[in-house]
Amino acid sequence: MTLNRTVVKKVFNMLKIHFFMVMVVSGVGCSTYQLAPQQLPNEKIANAKLAINKAEASRAQELAWPELNKARKYLQQAQAAMPAEEYELAVRLAEKSLVEAKQAEAQAEYELAQQALQEIRRRQE
């Protein structure tokens, strides 16, 4: 019984960390950059793609699809802004995509933790 509580506490602590990370990333704004104008948006878009892939690996498509779909929508908009050389807009949209993807991942992990907790409680009955 102690082991089960320990596992649950660890899972919820991990979720707190993910939530904190989402909050920190959401505070990141579009700043002035010294790179080539299109280099920063390309990096932000690549980071958003990675975050979406990571969210998909955590079963976000099944457990947090609204957040994941928002992330995909923002990513598509960021990519569409690049040919028009709207780099600041692309950066903002890519950052929004990243935040939504991280939120989807955290939500999926939370749902999985809830399911594990319910299973532990069911077994204890």
Protein backbone atom coordinates (compact mmCIF):
# COMPACT_ATOMS: atom_id res chain seq x y z
CA MET A 1 0.00 0.00 0.00
CA THR A 2 2.87 2.39 0.75
CA LEU A 3 4.44 1.63 -2.61
CA ASN A 4 1.21 2.52 -4.40
CA ARG A 5 0.99 5.88 -2.64
CA THR A 6 4.62 6.55 -3.43
CA VAL A 7 4.06 5.81 -7.10
CA VAL A 8 1.00 8.05 -7.20
CA LYS A 9 2.88 10.86 -5.45
CA LYS A 10 5.74 10.59 -7.95
CA VAL A 11 3.34 10.69 -10.89
CA PHE A 12 1.56 13.76 -9.57
CA ASN A 13 4.88 15.48 -8.83
CA MET A 14 5.89 14.86 -12.44
CA LEU A 15 2.63 16.39 -13.58
CA LYS A 16 3.27 19.47 -11.44
CA ILE A 17 6.65 19.85 -13.11
CA HIS A 18 5.09 19.57 -16.59
CA PHE A 19 2.44 22.12 -15.66
CA PHE A 20 5.13 24.49 -14.39
CA MET A 21 7.05 24.05 -17.64
CA VAL A 22 3.95 24.92 -19.65
CA MET A 23 3.46 28.05 -17.59
CA VAL A 24 7.09 29.10 -18.07
CA VAL A 25 6.99 28.50 -21.81
CA SER A 26 3.73 30.41 -22.13
CA GLY A 27 5.44 33.44 -20.60
CA VAL A 28 8.04 33.49 -23.34
CA GLY A 29 7.28 36.31 -25.72
CA CYS A 30 8.51 37.26 -29.13
CA SER A 31 11.79 39.06 -28.59
CA THR A 32 14.11 40.97 -30.86
CA TYR A 33 16.60 38.62 -32.42
CA GLN A 34 20.04 38.97 -33.96
CA LEU A 35 19.75 35.96 -36.26
CA ALA A 36 18.77 35.96 -39.90
CA PRO A 37 15.09 36.96 -39.96
CA GLN A 38 13.83 33.51 -40.97
CA GLN A 39 16.22 31.52 -38.73
CA LEU A 40 14.40 32.10 -35.42
CA PRO A 41 10.94 31.22 -36.82
CA ASN A 42 12.38 28.05 -38.36
CA GLU A 43 13.82 27.04 -34.97
CA LYS A 44 10.54 27.82 -33.20
CA ILE A 45 8.59 25.85 -35.79
CA ALA A 46 10.97 22.89 -35.42
CA ASN A 47 10.56 23.02 -31.62
CA ALA A 48 6.79 23.09 -31.98
CA LYS A 49 6.90 20.07 -34.31
CA LEU A 50 9.01 18.16 -31.77
CA ALA A 51 6.60 19.07 -28.98
CA ILE A 52 3.64 17.87 -31.06
CA ASN A 53 5.42 14.59 -31.78
CA LYS A 54 6.17 14.16 -28.08
CA ALA A 55 2.55 14.88 -27.19
CA GLU A 56 1.37 12.32 -29.73
CA ALA A 57 3.71 9.76 -28.16
CA SER A 58 2.07 10.39 -24.79
CA ARG A 59 -1.35 9.50 -26.23
CA ALA A 60 -2.50 13.11 -26.45
CA GLN A 61 -4.47 12.33 -29.63
CA GLU A 62 -6.66 10.06 -27.54
CA LEU A 63 -6.61 11.84 -24.17
CA ALA A 64 -6.10 15.54 -24.98
CA TRP A 65 -7.19 15.98 -28.58
CA PRO A 66 -8.53 19.57 -28.28
CA GLU A 67 -5.16 20.88 -27.09
CA LEU A 68 -3.28 18.80 -29.65
CA ASN A 69 -5.50 20.05 -32.46
CA LYS A 70 -4.91 23.66 -31.38
CA ALA A 71 -1.16 23.01 -31.44
CA ARG A 72 -1.41 21.61 -34.96
CA LYS A 73 -3.54 24.55 -36.11
CA TYR A 74 -1.06 27.11 -34.76
CA LEU A 75 1.81 25.19 -36.34
CA GLN A 76 0.10 25.23 -39.74
CA GLN A 77 -0.52 28.97 -39.41
CA ALA A 78 3.13 29.56 -38.44
CA GLN A 79 4.30 27.59 -41.45
CA ALA A 80 1.92 29.55 -43.69
CA ALA A 81 3.35 32.85 -42.42
CA MET A 82 6.88 31.96 -43.52
CA PRO A 83 6.52 32.32 -47.33
CA ALA A 84 4.92 35.73 -46.76
CA GLU A 85 7.98 36.69 -44.67
CA GLU A 86 5.78 37.40 -41.66
CA TYR A 87 8.50 36.17 -39.32
CA GLU A 88 7.30 37.77 -36.10
CA LEU A 89 3.83 36.31 -36.64
CA ALA A 90 5.39 32.93 -37.38
CA VAL A 91 7.38 33.08 -34.14
CA ARG A 92 4.29 33.95 -32.07
CA LEU A 93 2.23 31.19 -33.68
CA ALA A 94 5.01 28.63 -33.28
CA GLU A 95 5.31 29.57 -29.59
CA LYS A 96 1.55 29.16 -29.17
CA SER A 97 1.80 25.77 -30.87
CA LEU A 98 4.58 24.75 -28.50
CA VAL A 99 2.56 25.75 -25.44
CA GLU A 100 -0.55 23.91 -26.65
CA ALA A 101 1.49 20.79 -27.45
CA LYS A 102 3.08 20.81 -23.98
CA GLN A 103 -0.34 21.31 -22.44
CA ALA A 104 -1.68 18.37 -24.47
CA GLU A 105 1.20 16.21 -23.30
CA ALA A 106 0.68 17.22 -19.66
CA GLN A 107 -3.09 16.62 -19.96
CA ALA A 108 -2.51 13.16 -21.45
CA GLU A 109 -0.06 12.27 -18.69
CA TYR A 110 -2.52 13.54 -16.10
CA GLU A 111 -5.29 11.39 -17.58
CA LEU A 112 -3.00 8.35 -17.56
CA ALA A 113 -2.10 9.04 -13.93
CA GLN A 114 -5.78 9.30 -13.04
CA GLN A 115 -6.43 5.97 -14.73
CA ALA A 116 -3.54 4.39 -12.82
CA LEU A 117 -4.83 5.82 -9.57
CA GLN A 118 -8.32 4.45 -10.23
CA GLU A 119 -6.82 1.04 -10.97
CA ILE A 120 -4.84 1.13 -7.71
CA ARG A 121 -7.96 2.07 -5.76
CA ARG A 122 -9.96 -0.65 -7.49
CA ARG A 123 -7.38 -3.26 -6.53
CA GLN A 124 -7.40 -2.10 -2.90
CA GLU A 125 -11.14 -2.67 -2.58
